[in-house]
Amino acid sequence: MEIIGEYVDRLITVEMRQKSIPLRGLTSKLHDCACRKLGVKSLSLLAAQKILDQVKAEDNVFIMNGFSSIPHCPHGETDGPLGSASMARAVNLGLNAKPIFVVGERELEPLKSSAKAAGLNIEPYEMVRKARNMAAIIPFSHETDEDAQTEATKLFDQYQPKAVFSFETMGPNRKGHHHSVLGFPYQGPKLYHLFDEAQRRGVLTIAGIDGGNELGSGNIEDEVRRIVPNADVCQCPCNAGMACRVTADVTIPVTTSNWAAYGISAMLAYLLKKPEILQDADTERRMLEACIMAGAVDGASFRPIPAVDGMSATANQSIVSLLHEIVGNGLVEEAWVRENDSF
């Protein structure tokens, strides 16, 4: 189990960012910091174990992502929706948990389309709670912190989620300001109130990050400020850096935030002995194409092309295929050495 987890983590932190991206070369450093904070070698394994401990059949879970900006990516980017869809697929097919997406209005369609391509119908919650292969989706676009906090409390009271997941969801710095990874001011849905509410109630929180400005980065905020450009001093008047102050029970720094969800899904697949709950390479391609056609763009070029943070569809399909190889071979029980003891 520990071997599988360690190599899943190695795969989802393989560095292949474009040369011009300032985060290039920092993934493994952030990942190592997060591992040391929690005293583990595999964050994806830890996350999967906590999910199995906390989430049971029929339980609700919240899943969110969020980065859209005018004019470059008005409907968000391809990093986030695919990870959210993968996570929803895994907990639904693997545990019969009930995924509820919570997302800003501008990003509804890319997430909805990604989930459908992953094999989940999007229906009202009253239908979702009675059937498999379904997820609900709730728009969350409150402009003031007071309204956002009120809505977060309302959603928790209504749905009683057992876990809250975030993949590429922007969060506030120490002064309450949101930023892009380059340190420019950003205005979006205040989804971090859901994480804050979860922590007040002792509900499991898990985050995938790739830059330090997302929910969950608070676990390693000091390290993010020390090693990531614009994290300690941003490019806006607040002058407090783009590093997000919001923590999580498990934060997984990866090359692109989707891959944190893929790593967790792979470890759930291994622990449950159900490899099929992780999407295959063909489904990954379909998810990416659906996300783009619904309005999302590649976060590196801001173009509607089959890429995630500048990494091609082929690269993302290959990551999924290799995760399947790790999980599938890890479940093979034939006594190869015993049958071939001459070696």
C-alpha atoms as a PDB file:
ATOM      1  CA  MET A   1       0.000   0.000   0.000  1.00  0.00           C
ATOM      2  CA  GLU A   2       2.754   2.449   0.940  1.00  0.00           C
ATOM      3  CA  ILE A   3       4.715   1.576  -2.218  1.00  0.00           C
ATOM      4  CA  ILE A   4       1.689   2.222  -4.429  1.00  0.00           C
ATOM      5  CA  GLY A   5       0.982   5.510  -2.678  1.00  0.00           C
ATOM      6  CA  GLU A   6       4.540   6.742  -2.943  1.00  0.00           C
ATOM      7  CA  TYR A   7       4.765   6.063  -6.662  1.00  0.00           C
ATOM      8  CA  VAL A   8       1.357   7.574  -7.369  1.00  0.00           C
ATOM      9  CA  ASP A   9       2.602  10.743  -5.656  1.00  0.00           C
ATOM     10  CA  ARG A  10       5.805  10.697  -7.682  1.00  0.00           C
ATOM     11  CA  LEU A  11       3.850  10.449 -10.911  1.00  0.00           C
ATOM     12  CA  ILE A  12       1.446  13.314 -10.212  1.00  0.00           C
ATOM     13  CA  THR A  13       4.342  15.596  -9.274  1.00  0.00           C
ATOM     14  CA  VAL A  14       6.416  14.944 -12.410  1.00  0.00           C
ATOM     15  CA  GLU A  15       7.461  18.388 -13.664  1.00  0.00           C
ATOM     16  CA  MET A  16       6.544  19.229 -17.256  1.00  0.00           C
ATOM     17  CA  ARG A  17       5.492  22.851 -17.132  1.00  0.00           C
ATOM     18  CA  GLN A  18       6.410  25.238 -19.903  1.00  0.00           C
ATOM     19  CA  LYS A  19       9.676  27.100 -19.474  1.00  0.00           C
ATOM     20  CA  SER A  20       7.979  30.489 -19.218  1.00  0.00           C
ATOM     21  CA  ILE A  21       5.776  29.517 -16.254  1.00  0.00           C
ATOM     22  CA  PRO A  22       7.304  30.863 -13.002  1.00  0.00           C
ATOM     23  CA  LEU A  23       6.226  27.818 -10.974  1.00  0.00           C
ATOM     24  CA  ARG A  24       8.407  25.523 -13.038  1.00  0.00           C
ATOM     25  CA  GLY A  25      10.629  23.332 -10.876  1.00  0.00           C
ATOM     26  CA  LEU A  26       8.772  23.989  -7.607  1.00  0.00           C
ATOM     27  CA  THR A  27       6.242  21.143  -7.551  1.00  0.00           C
ATOM     28  CA  SER A  28       8.382  18.571  -5.751  1.00  0.00           C
ATOM     29  CA  LYS A  29       9.545  21.181  -3.211  1.00  0.00           C
ATOM     30  CA  LEU A  30       5.980  22.081  -2.271  1.00  0.00           C
ATOM     31  CA  HIS A  31       4.987  18.428  -2.182  1.00  0.00           C
ATOM     32  CA  ASP A  32       7.895  17.544   0.106  1.00  0.00           C
ATOM     33  CA  CYS A  33       6.916  20.390   2.460  1.00  0.00           C
ATOM     34  CA  ALA A  34       3.339  19.126   2.639  1.00  0.00           C
ATOM     35  CA  CYS A  35       4.520  15.562   3.329  1.00  0.00           C
ATOM     36  CA  ARG A  36       6.777  16.722   6.155  1.00  0.00           C
ATOM     37  CA  LYS A  37       3.955  18.719   7.728  1.00  0.00           C
ATOM     38  CA  LEU A  38       1.789  15.598   7.945  1.00  0.00           C
ATOM     39  CA  GLY A  39       4.577  13.086   8.521  1.00  0.00           C
ATOM     40  CA  VAL A  40       3.760  10.887   5.509  1.00  0.00           C
ATOM     41  CA  LYS A  41       5.386   9.798   2.251  1.00  0.00           C
ATOM     42  CA  SER A  42       2.181   9.723   0.214  1.00  0.00           C
ATOM     43  CA  LEU A  43      -0.453  12.429   0.395  1.00  0.00           C
ATOM     44  CA  SER A  44      -2.746  10.655  -2.062  1.00  0.00           C
ATOM     45  CA  LEU A  45      -2.743   7.557   0.131  1.00  0.00           C
ATOM     46  CA  LEU A  46      -3.442   9.623   3.238  1.00  0.00           C
ATOM     47  CA  ALA A  47      -6.332  11.393   1.512  1.00  0.00           C
ATOM     48  CA  ALA A  48      -7.839   8.107   0.297  1.00  0.00           C
ATOM     49  CA  GLN A  49      -7.589   6.563   3.770  1.00  0.00           C
ATOM     50  CA  LYS A  50      -9.297   9.562   5.359  1.00  0.00           C
ATOM     51  CA  ILE A  51     -12.071   9.408   2.773  1.00  0.00           C
ATOM     52  CA  LEU A  52     -12.671   5.730   3.512  1.00  0.00           C
ATOM     53  CA  ASP A  53     -12.758   6.523   7.230  1.00  0.00           C
ATOM     54  CA  GLN A  54     -15.202   9.405   6.917  1.00  0.00           C
ATOM     55  CA  VAL A  55     -17.392   8.824   3.846  1.00  0.00           C
ATOM     56  CA  LYS A  56     -19.906   5.981   3.640  1.00  0.00           C
ATOM     57  CA  ALA A  57     -22.645   4.931   1.232  1.00  0.00           C
ATOM     58  CA  GLU A  58     -25.370   7.570   0.789  1.00  0.00           C
ATOM     59  CA  ASP A  59     -23.201  10.303   2.387  1.00  0.00           C
ATOM     60  CA  ASN A  60     -23.018  13.669   0.662  1.00  0.00           C
ATOM     61  CA  VAL A  61     -19.712  15.279  -0.316  1.00  0.00           C
ATOM     62  CA  PHE A  62     -19.072  18.789  -1.648  1.00  0.00           C
ATOM     63  CA  ILE A  63     -16.648  19.190  -4.546  1.00  0.00           C
ATOM     64  CA  MET A  64     -15.564  22.595  -5.824  1.00  0.00           C
ATOM     65  CA  ASN A  65     -13.175  24.316  -8.176  1.00  0.00           C
ATOM     66  CA  GLY A  66     -12.907  27.903  -9.255  1.00  0.00           C
ATOM     67  CA  PHE A  67     -10.750  30.151 -11.354  1.00  0.00           C
ATOM     68  CA  SER A  68     -12.400  32.367 -13.940  1.00  0.00           C
ATOM     69  CA  SER A  69     -11.384  35.875 -14.910  1.00  0.00           C
ATOM     70  CA  ILE A  70     -12.523  38.535 -17.336  1.00  0.00           C
ATOM     71  CA  PRO A  71     -11.538  38.743 -20.158  1.00  0.00           C
ATOM     72  CA  HIS A  72      -9.014  35.898 -20.467  1.00  0.00           C
ATOM     73  CA  CYS A  73     -10.989  32.923 -19.144  1.00  0.00           C
ATOM     74  CA  PRO A  74     -14.549  34.021 -18.411  1.00  0.00           C
ATOM     75  CA  HIS A  75     -15.755  30.433 -17.945  1.00  0.00           C
ATOM     76  CA  GLY A  76     -12.716  29.112 -16.131  1.00  0.00           C
ATOM     77  CA  GLU A  77      -9.864  26.864 -17.149  1.00  0.00           C
ATOM     78  CA  THR A  78      -9.466  23.167 -17.818  1.00  0.00           C
ATOM     79  CA  ASP A  79      -7.576  22.691 -14.550  1.00  0.00           C
ATOM     80  CA  GLY A  80     -10.192  22.098 -11.873  1.00  0.00           C
ATOM     81  CA  PRO A  81     -13.326  20.797 -13.627  1.00  0.00           C
ATOM     82  CA  LEU A  82     -11.670  17.562 -14.740  1.00  0.00           C
ATOM     83  CA  GLY A  83     -10.276  16.889 -11.286  1.00  0.00           C
ATOM     84  CA  SER A  84     -13.654  17.601  -9.717  1.00  0.00           C
ATOM     85  CA  ALA A  85     -15.360  15.239 -12.164  1.00  0.00           C
ATOM     86  CA  SER A  86     -12.786  12.505 -11.504  1.00  0.00           C
ATOM     87  CA  MET A  87     -13.245  12.818  -7.743  1.00  0.00           C
ATOM     88  CA  ALA A  88     -17.029  12.710  -8.060  1.00  0.00           C
ATOM     89  CA  ARG A  89     -16.819   9.622 -10.248  1.00  0.00           C
ATOM     90  CA  ALA A  90     -14.532   7.840  -7.773  1.00  0.00           C
ATOM     91  CA  VAL A  91     -16.597   8.468  -4.640  1.00  0.00           C
ATOM     92  CA  ASN A  92     -19.852   7.702  -6.442  1.00  0.00           C
ATOM     93  CA  LEU A  93     -18.804   4.497  -8.207  1.00  0.00           C
ATOM     94  CA  GLY A  94     -16.516   3.383  -5.406  1.00  0.00           C
ATOM     95  CA  LEU A  95     -18.514   4.265  -2.300  1.00  0.00           C
ATOM     96  CA  ASN A  96     -21.992   5.185  -3.544  1.00  0.00           C
ATOM     97  CA  ALA A  97     -21.479   8.597  -1.971  1.00  0.00           C
ATOM     98  CA  LYS A  98     -23.464  11.494  -3.397  1.00  0.00           C
ATOM     99  CA  PRO A  99     -21.338  14.188  -5.097  1.00  0.00           C
ATOM    100  CA  ILE A 100     -22.588  17.764  -4.952  1.00  0.00           C
ATOM    101  CA  PHE A 101     -20.597  20.256  -7.013  1.00  0.00           C
ATOM    102  CA  VAL A 102     -20.495  23.801  -5.659  1.00  0.00           C
ATOM    103  CA  VAL A 103     -19.118  26.279  -8.170  1.00  0.00           C
ATOM    104  CA  GLY A 104     -19.388  29.853  -9.422  1.00  0.00           C
ATOM    105  CA  GLU A 105     -22.068  30.542 -12.008  1.00  0.00           C
ATOM    106  CA  ARG A 106     -19.599  31.334 -14.792  1.00  0.00           C
ATOM    107  CA  GLU A 107     -18.023  27.906 -14.404  1.00  0.00           C
ATOM    108  CA  LEU A 108     -21.167  25.804 -14.198  1.00  0.00           C
ATOM    109  CA  GLU A 109     -21.184  24.579 -17.781  1.00  0.00           C
ATOM    110  CA  PRO A 110     -17.551  23.359 -18.021  1.00  0.00           C
ATOM    111  CA  LEU A 111     -17.935  21.420 -14.779  1.00  0.00           C
ATOM    112  CA  LYS A 112     -21.292  19.994 -15.772  1.00  0.00           C
ATOM    113  CA  SER A 113     -19.955  18.902 -19.146  1.00  0.00           C
ATOM    114  CA  SER A 114     -16.799  17.384 -17.646  1.00  0.00           C
ATOM    115  CA  ALA A 115     -18.874  15.343 -15.208  1.00  0.00           C
ATOM    116  CA  LYS A 116     -21.174  14.062 -17.935  1.00  0.00           C
ATOM    117  CA  ALA A 117     -18.165  13.050 -20.013  1.00  0.00           C
ATOM    118  CA  ALA A 118     -16.819  11.218 -16.957  1.00  0.00           C
ATOM    119  CA  GLY A 119     -20.008   9.159 -16.845  1.00  0.00           C
ATOM    120  CA  LEU A 120     -22.132  11.044 -14.311  1.00  0.00           C
ATOM    121  CA  ASN A 121     -25.565  12.481 -15.002  1.00  0.00           C
ATOM    122  CA  ILE A 122     -26.204  15.944 -13.562  1.00  0.00           C
ATOM    123  CA  GLU A 123     -29.616  16.008 -11.912  1.00  0.00           C
ATOM    124  CA  PRO A 124     -31.438  17.698  -9.008  1.00  0.00           C
ATOM    125  CA  TYR A 125     -30.349  16.449  -5.611  1.00  0.00           C
ATOM    126  CA  GLU A 126     -33.659  14.680  -4.963  1.00  0.00           C
ATOM    127  CA  MET A 127     -32.828  12.365  -7.865  1.00  0.00           C
ATOM    128  CA  VAL A 128     -29.133  12.077  -6.986  1.00  0.00           C
ATOM    129  CA  ARG A 129     -29.806  10.766  -3.499  1.00  0.00           C
ATOM    130  CA  LYS A 130     -31.903   7.904  -4.922  1.00  0.00           C
ATOM    131  CA  ALA A 131     -29.605   6.658  -7.681  1.00  0.00           C
ATOM    132  CA  ARG A 132     -26.024   5.946  -8.722  1.00  0.00           C
ATOM    133  CA  ASN A 133     -24.115   7.575 -11.567  1.00  0.00           C
ATOM    134  CA  MET A 134     -25.391  11.029 -10.689  1.00  0.00           C
ATOM    135  CA  ALA A 135     -24.194  14.299  -9.200  1.00  0.00           C
ATOM    136  CA  ALA A 136     -25.924  17.532  -8.272  1.00  0.00           C
ATOM    137  CA  ILE A 137     -24.567  20.999  -8.939  1.00  0.00           C
ATOM    138  CA  ILE A 138     -25.163  24.210  -6.959  1.00  0.00           C
ATOM    139  CA  PRO A 139     -24.161  27.713  -8.147  1.00  0.00           C
ATOM    140  CA  PHE A 140     -22.306  29.808  -5.556  1.00  0.00           C
ATOM    141  CA  SER A 141     -21.637  33.396  -6.574  1.00  0.00           C
ATOM    142  CA  HIS A 142     -22.189  35.612  -3.545  1.00  0.00           C
ATOM    143  CA  GLU A 143     -20.327  38.899  -3.746  1.00  0.00           C
ATOM    144  CA  THR A 144     -19.968  39.761  -0.068  1.00  0.00           C
ATOM    145  CA  ASP A 145     -18.311  37.710   2.641  1.00  0.00           C
ATOM    146  CA  GLU A 146     -21.403  38.022   4.799  1.00  0.00           C
ATOM    147  CA  ASP A 147     -23.663  36.569   2.095  1.00  0.00           C
ATOM    148  CA  ALA A 148     -21.149  33.848   1.259  1.00  0.00           C
ATOM    149  CA  GLN A 149     -20.835  32.801   4.895  1.00  0.00           C
ATOM    150  CA  THR A 150     -24.606  32.719   5.277  1.00  0.00           C
ATOM    151  CA  GLU A 151     -24.908  30.523   2.190  1.00  0.00           C
ATOM    152  CA  ALA A 152     -22.117  28.197   3.349  1.00  0.00           C
ATOM    153  CA  THR A 153     -23.876  27.685   6.682  1.00  0.00           C
ATOM    154  CA  LYS A 154     -27.159  27.054   4.896  1.00  0.00           C
ATOM    155  CA  LEU A 155     -25.623  24.462   2.554  1.00  0.00           C
ATOM    156  CA  PHE A 156     -23.976  22.596   5.424  1.00  0.00           C
ATOM    157  CA  ASP A 157     -27.196  22.562   7.425  1.00  0.00           C
ATOM    158  CA  GLN A 158     -29.157  21.298   4.420  1.00  0.00           C
ATOM    159  CA  TYR A 159     -26.783  18.654   3.022  1.00  0.00           C
ATOM    160  CA  GLN A 160     -24.563  17.663   5.976  1.00  0.00           C
ATOM    161  CA  PRO A 161     -21.532  16.750   3.822  1.00  0.00           C
ATOM    162  CA  LYS A 162     -18.988  14.309   5.226  1.00  0.00           C
ATOM    163  CA  ALA A 163     -16.121  15.739   3.147  1.00  0.00           C
ATOM    164  CA  VAL A 164     -15.328  18.866   1.137  1.00  0.00           C
ATOM    165  CA  PHE A 165     -12.912  18.703  -1.806  1.00  0.00           C
ATOM    166  CA  SER A 166     -11.240  21.572  -3.627  1.00  0.00           C
ATOM    167  CA  PHE A 167      -9.240  21.408  -6.840  1.00  0.00           C
ATOM    168  CA  GLU A 168      -7.802  24.674  -8.163  1.00  0.00           C
ATOM    169  CA  THR A 169     -10.092  26.939  -6.121  1.00  0.00           C
ATOM    170  CA  MET A 170      -8.695  30.401  -5.485  1.00  0.00           C
ATOM    171  CA  GLY A 171      -8.560  31.544  -1.878  1.00  0.00           C
ATOM    172  CA  PRO A 172      -7.703  34.682   0.123  1.00  0.00           C
ATOM    173  CA  ASN A 173      -4.348  35.747   1.501  1.00  0.00           C
ATOM    174  CA  ARG A 174      -3.775  37.012   5.052  1.00  0.00           C
ATOM    175  CA  LYS A 175      -5.552  40.275   4.268  1.00  0.00           C
ATOM    176  CA  GLY A 176      -8.519  38.587   2.605  1.00  0.00           C
ATOM    177  CA  HIS A 177      -7.557  39.337  -1.006  1.00  0.00           C
ATOM    178  CA  HIS A 178      -7.596  36.799  -3.853  1.00  0.00           C
ATOM    179  CA  HIS A 179      -4.876  36.672  -6.501  1.00  0.00           C
ATOM    180  CA  SER A 180      -3.861  34.916  -9.667  1.00  0.00           C
ATOM    181  CA  VAL A 181      -0.685  32.848  -9.449  1.00  0.00           C
ATOM    182  CA  LEU A 182       1.221  35.823 -10.875  1.00  0.00           C
ATOM    183  CA  GLY A 183       0.087  37.978  -7.959  1.00  0.00           C
ATOM    184  CA  PHE A 184      -2.542  40.076  -9.723  1.00  0.00           C
ATOM    185  CA  PRO A 185      -5.870  40.779  -7.989  1.00  0.00           C
ATOM    186  CA  TYR A 186      -8.662  38.323  -8.721  1.00  0.00           C
ATOM    187  CA  GLN A 187     -12.394  38.496  -8.130  1.00  0.00           C
ATOM    188  CA  GLY A 188     -14.383  35.278  -7.939  1.00  0.00           C
ATOM    189  CA  PRO A 189     -16.874  33.344  -5.830  1.00  0.00           C
ATOM    190  CA  LYS A 190     -15.912  33.219  -2.164  1.00  0.00           C
ATOM    191  CA  LEU A 191     -15.951  29.443  -1.973  1.00  0.00           C
ATOM    192  CA  TYR A 192     -13.418  29.421   0.843  1.00  0.00           C
ATOM    193  CA  HIS A 193     -16.283  29.951   3.281  1.00  0.00           C
ATOM    194  CA  LEU A 194     -17.219  26.318   2.647  1.00  0.00           C
ATOM    195  CA  PHE A 195     -13.758  25.207   3.793  1.00  0.00           C
ATOM    196  CA  ASP A 196     -13.912  27.476   6.824  1.00  0.00           C
ATOM    197  CA  GLU A 197     -17.354  26.118   7.715  1.00  0.00           C
ATOM    198  CA  ALA A 198     -16.169  22.526   7.251  1.00  0.00           C
ATOM    199  CA  GLN A 199     -13.293  23.099   9.649  1.00  0.00           C
ATOM    200  CA  ARG A 200     -15.589  24.671  12.241  1.00  0.00           C
ATOM    201  CA  ARG A 201     -17.726  21.538  12.089  1.00  0.00           C
ATOM    202  CA  GLY A 202     -14.875  19.023  11.979  1.00  0.00           C
ATOM    203  CA  VAL A 203     -15.702  17.910   8.419  1.00  0.00           C
ATOM    204  CA  LEU A 204     -12.877  16.434   6.320  1.00  0.00           C
ATOM    205  CA  THR A 205     -11.260  18.888   3.864  1.00  0.00           C
ATOM    206  CA  ILE A 206      -8.960  17.818   1.016  1.00  0.00           C
ATOM    207  CA  ALA A 207      -7.331  20.171  -1.502  1.00  0.00           C
ATOM    208  CA  GLY A 208      -5.306  19.867  -4.685  1.00  0.00           C
ATOM    209  CA  ILE A 209      -3.024  22.832  -5.404  1.00  0.00           C
ATOM    210  CA  ASP A 210      -0.348  23.717  -7.930  1.00  0.00           C
ATOM    211  CA  GLY A 211       0.668  27.299  -7.198  1.00  0.00           C
ATOM    212  CA  GLY A 212       0.016  28.358  -3.621  1.00  0.00           C
ATOM    213  CA  ASN A 213      -2.885  30.736  -4.238  1.00  0.00           C
ATOM    214  CA  GLU A 214      -5.519  27.997  -3.880  1.00  0.00           C
ATOM    215  CA  LEU A 215      -7.521  26.680  -0.942  1.00  0.00           C
ATOM    216  CA  GLY A 216      -5.358  24.350   1.122  1.00  0.00           C
ATOM    217  CA  SER A 217      -2.138  26.276   0.571  1.00  0.00           C
ATOM    218  CA  GLY A 218      -2.309  27.525   4.152  1.00  0.00           C
ATOM    219  CA  ASN A 219      -0.888  24.181   5.302  1.00  0.00           C
ATOM    220  CA  ILE A 220       2.451  25.236   3.845  1.00  0.00           C
ATOM    221  CA  GLU A 221       1.961  29.004   3.650  1.00  0.00           C
ATOM    222  CA  ASP A 222       5.380  29.879   5.065  1.00  0.00           C
ATOM    223  CA  GLU A 223       7.093  27.600   2.563  1.00  0.00           C
ATOM    224  CA  VAL A 224       4.983  28.926  -0.322  1.00  0.00           C
ATOM    225  CA  ARG A 225       5.944  32.490   0.624  1.00  0.00           C
ATOM    226  CA  ARG A 226       9.596  31.512   0.770  1.00  0.00           C
ATOM    227  CA  ILE A 227       9.960  29.674  -2.549  1.00  0.00           C
ATOM    228  CA  VAL A 228       7.155  30.749  -4.926  1.00  0.00           C
ATOM    229  CA  PRO A 229       7.410  34.017  -6.908  1.00  0.00           C
ATOM    230  CA  ASN A 230       4.753  36.625  -5.970  1.00  0.00           C
ATOM    231  CA  ALA A 231       3.672  34.569  -2.942  1.00  0.00           C
ATOM    232  CA  ASP A 232       5.073  36.950  -0.332  1.00  0.00           C
ATOM    233  CA  VAL A 233       4.823  40.215  -2.255  1.00  0.00           C
ATOM    234  CA  CYS A 234       2.070  40.400  -4.852  1.00  0.00           C
ATOM    235  CA  GLN A 235       1.461  42.794  -7.742  1.00  0.00           C
ATOM    236  CA  CYS A 236      -1.514  44.610  -6.233  1.00  0.00           C
ATOM    237  CA  PRO A 237      -1.902  47.368  -3.609  1.00  0.00           C
ATOM    238  CA  CYS A 238      -2.506  44.949  -0.726  1.00  0.00           C
ATOM    239  CA  ASN A 239       1.207  44.035  -0.862  1.00  0.00           C
ATOM    240  CA  ALA A 240       0.541  40.880   1.174  1.00  0.00           C
ATOM    241  CA  GLY A 241       1.403  38.237  -1.413  1.00  0.00           C
ATOM    242  CA  MET A 242      -0.709  35.773  -3.336  1.00  0.00           C
ATOM    243  CA  ALA A 243      -0.222  32.871  -0.859  1.00  0.00           C
ATOM    244  CA  CYS A 244      -3.599  31.577   0.329  1.00  0.00           C
ATOM    245  CA  ARG A 245      -4.085  31.378   4.091  1.00  0.00           C
ATOM    246  CA  VAL A 246      -6.833  28.664   4.010  1.00  0.00           C
ATOM    247  CA  THR A 247      -5.769  25.248   5.337  1.00  0.00           C
ATOM    248  CA  ALA A 248      -7.041  21.714   4.701  1.00  0.00           C
ATOM    249  CA  ASP A 249      -6.804  18.373   6.475  1.00  0.00           C
ATOM    250  CA  VAL A 250      -4.830  17.091   3.492  1.00  0.00           C
ATOM    251  CA  THR A 251      -3.254  19.366   0.887  1.00  0.00           C
ATOM    252  CA  ILE A 252      -1.681  17.762  -2.181  1.00  0.00           C
ATOM    253  CA  PRO A 253       0.686  19.970  -4.239  1.00  0.00           C
ATOM    254  CA  VAL A 254       0.922  18.605  -7.780  1.00  0.00           C
ATOM    255  CA  THR A 255       1.959  19.678 -11.268  1.00  0.00           C
ATOM    256  CA  THR A 256      -1.595  20.623 -12.187  1.00  0.00           C
ATOM    257  CA  SER A 257      -4.423  20.479  -9.666  1.00  0.00           C
ATOM    258  CA  ASN A 258      -6.485  17.925 -11.604  1.00  0.00           C
ATOM    259  CA  TRP A 259      -3.769  15.379 -10.949  1.00  0.00           C
ATOM    260  CA  ALA A 260      -4.337  15.553  -7.188  1.00  0.00           C
ATOM    261  CA  ALA A 261      -7.856  14.231  -7.792  1.00  0.00           C
ATOM    262  CA  TYR A 262      -6.497  11.592 -10.156  1.00  0.00           C
ATOM    263  CA  GLY A 263      -3.990  10.475  -7.515  1.00  0.00           C
ATOM    264  CA  ILE A 264      -6.683  10.206  -4.847  1.00  0.00           C
ATOM    265  CA  SER A 265      -8.995   8.375  -7.256  1.00  0.00           C
ATOM    266  CA  ALA A 266      -6.172   5.962  -8.076  1.00  0.00           C
ATOM    267  CA  MET A 267      -5.546   5.222  -4.400  1.00  0.00           C
ATOM    268  CA  LEU A 268      -9.256   4.708  -3.763  1.00  0.00           C
ATOM    269  CA  ALA A 269      -9.277   2.359  -6.753  1.00  0.00           C
ATOM    270  CA  TYR A 270      -6.393   0.418  -5.225  1.00  0.00           C
ATOM    271  CA  LEU A 271      -7.748   0.278  -1.673  1.00  0.00           C
ATOM    272  CA  LEU A 272     -11.230  -0.719  -2.871  1.00  0.00           C
ATOM    273  CA  LYS A 273      -9.819  -3.080  -5.537  1.00  0.00           C
ATOM    274  CA  LYS A 274     -11.954  -1.293  -8.133  1.00  0.00           C
ATOM    275  CA  PRO A 275      -9.631   0.076 -10.861  1.00  0.00           C
ATOM    276  CA  GLU A 276     -12.630   1.125 -12.941  1.00  0.00           C
ATOM    277  CA  ILE A 277     -13.488   4.027 -10.632  1.00  0.00           C
ATOM    278  CA  LEU A 278     -10.545   5.992 -12.076  1.00  0.00           C
ATOM    279  CA  GLN A 279     -11.379   7.227 -15.566  1.00  0.00           C
ATOM    280  CA  ASP A 280      -9.406   5.630 -18.392  1.00  0.00           C
ATOM    281  CA  ALA A 281      -7.421   7.486 -21.034  1.00  0.00           C
ATOM    282  CA  ASP A 282     -10.288   7.623 -23.542  1.00  0.00           C
ATOM    283  CA  THR A 283     -12.606   9.067 -20.912  1.00  0.00           C
ATOM    284  CA  GLU A 284      -9.943  11.597 -19.925  1.00  0.00           C
ATOM    285  CA  ARG A 285      -9.804  12.818 -23.525  1.00  0.00           C
ATOM    286  CA  ARG A 286     -13.590  13.029 -23.669  1.00  0.00           C
ATOM    287  CA  MET A 287     -13.693  14.991 -20.394  1.00  0.00           C
ATOM    288  CA  LEU A 288     -11.133  17.493 -21.650  1.00  0.00           C
ATOM    289  CA  GLU A 289     -12.880  18.024 -24.964  1.00  0.00           C
ATOM    290  CA  ALA A 290     -16.257  18.455 -23.260  1.00  0.00           C
ATOM    291  CA  CYS A 291     -14.801  20.967 -20.817  1.00  0.00           C
ATOM    292  CA  ILE A 292     -13.362  23.051 -23.636  1.00  0.00           C
ATOM    293  CA  MET A 293     -16.516  22.957 -25.734  1.00  0.00           C
ATOM    294  CA  ALA A 294     -18.439  24.221 -22.699  1.00  0.00           C
ATOM    295  CA  GLY A 295     -16.257  27.343 -22.509  1.00  0.00           C
ATOM    296  CA  ALA A 296     -13.130  26.525 -20.487  1.00  0.00           C
ATOM    297  CA  VAL A 297      -9.657  27.335 -21.770  1.00  0.00           C
ATOM    298  CA  ASP A 298      -6.128  26.066 -21.281  1.00  0.00           C
ATOM    299  CA  GLY A 299      -4.731  28.018 -18.329  1.00  0.00           C
ATOM    300  CA  ALA A 300      -1.344  28.608 -19.959  1.00  0.00           C
ATOM    301  CA  SER A 301      -2.472  29.980 -23.326  1.00  0.00           C
ATOM    302  CA  PHE A 302      -6.080  31.058 -22.545  1.00  0.00           C
ATOM    303  CA  ARG A 303      -7.073  29.272 -25.749  1.00  0.00           C
ATOM    304  CA  PRO A 304      -9.822  26.649 -26.164  1.00  0.00           C
ATOM    305  CA  ILE A 305      -7.366  23.895 -27.003  1.00  0.00           C
ATOM    306  CA  PRO A 306      -7.012  20.336 -25.600  1.00  0.00           C
ATOM    307  CA  ALA A 307      -4.459  21.127 -22.919  1.00  0.00           C
ATOM    308  CA  VAL A 308      -4.275  21.742 -19.166  1.00  0.00           C
ATOM    309  CA  ASP A 309      -1.835  24.394 -17.938  1.00  0.00           C
ATOM    310  CA  GLY A 310       0.048  24.011 -21.195  1.00  0.00           C
ATOM    311  CA  MET A 311       0.252  20.210 -20.997  1.00  0.00           C
ATOM    312  CA  SER A 312      -1.278  18.360 -23.913  1.00  0.00           C
ATOM    313  CA  ALA A 313      -4.213  15.988 -23.922  1.00  0.00           C
ATOM    314  CA  THR A 314      -1.743  13.197 -24.697  1.00  0.00           C
ATOM    315  CA  ALA A 315       0.284  14.005 -21.580  1.00  0.00           C
ATOM    316  CA  ASN A 316      -2.816  13.972 -19.383  1.00  0.00           C
ATOM    317  CA  GLN A 317      -4.037  10.728 -20.925  1.00  0.00           C
ATOM    318  CA  SER A 318      -0.621   9.223 -20.302  1.00  0.00           C
ATOM    319  CA  ILE A 319      -0.732  10.175 -16.613  1.00  0.00           C
ATOM    320  CA  VAL A 320      -4.102   8.445 -16.296  1.00  0.00           C
ATOM    321  CA  SER A 321      -2.801   5.368 -18.141  1.00  0.00           C
ATOM    322  CA  LEU A 322       0.263   5.127 -15.912  1.00  0.00           C
ATOM    323  CA  LEU A 323      -1.885   5.479 -12.795  1.00  0.00           C
ATOM    324  CA  HIS A 324      -3.964   2.559 -14.052  1.00  0.00           C
ATOM    325  CA  GLU A 325      -0.780   0.578 -14.618  1.00  0.00           C
ATOM    326  CA  ILE A 326       0.425   1.248 -11.068  1.00  0.00           C
ATOM    327  CA  VAL A 327      -2.941   0.291  -9.571  1.00  0.00           C
ATOM    328  CA  GLY A 328      -3.587  -2.690 -11.829  1.00  0.00           C
ATOM    329  CA  ASN A 329      -0.175  -4.257 -11.346  1.00  0.00           C
ATOM    330  CA  GLY A 330      -0.362  -3.493  -7.633  1.00  0.00           C
ATOM    331  CA  LEU A 331      -3.459  -5.680  -7.423  1.00  0.00           C
ATOM    332  CA  VAL A 332      -1.963  -8.683  -9.265  1.00  0.00           C
ATOM    333  CA  GLU A 333      -1.580 -11.507  -6.760  1.00  0.00           C
ATOM    334  CA  GLU A 334       0.074 -14.271  -8.821  1.00  0.00           C
ATOM    335  CA  ALA A 335       3.168 -15.655  -7.105  1.00  0.00           C
ATOM    336  CA  TRP A 336       5.521 -14.780  -9.956  1.00  0.00           C
ATOM    337  CA  VAL A 337       8.706 -15.180  -7.909  1.00  0.00           C
ATOM    338  CA  ARG A 338       7.618 -18.499  -6.478  1.00  0.00           C
ATOM    339  CA  GLU A 339       6.801 -19.844  -9.936  1.00  0.00           C
ATOM    340  CA  ASN A 340      10.055 -18.524 -11.345  1.00  0.00           C
ATOM    341  CA  ASP A 341      12.391 -19.176  -8.430  1.00  0.00           C
ATOM    342  CA  SER A 342      15.260 -19.945 -10.806  1.00  0.00           C
ATOM    343  CA  PHE A 343      15.616 -16.148 -11.087  1.00  0.00           C
END
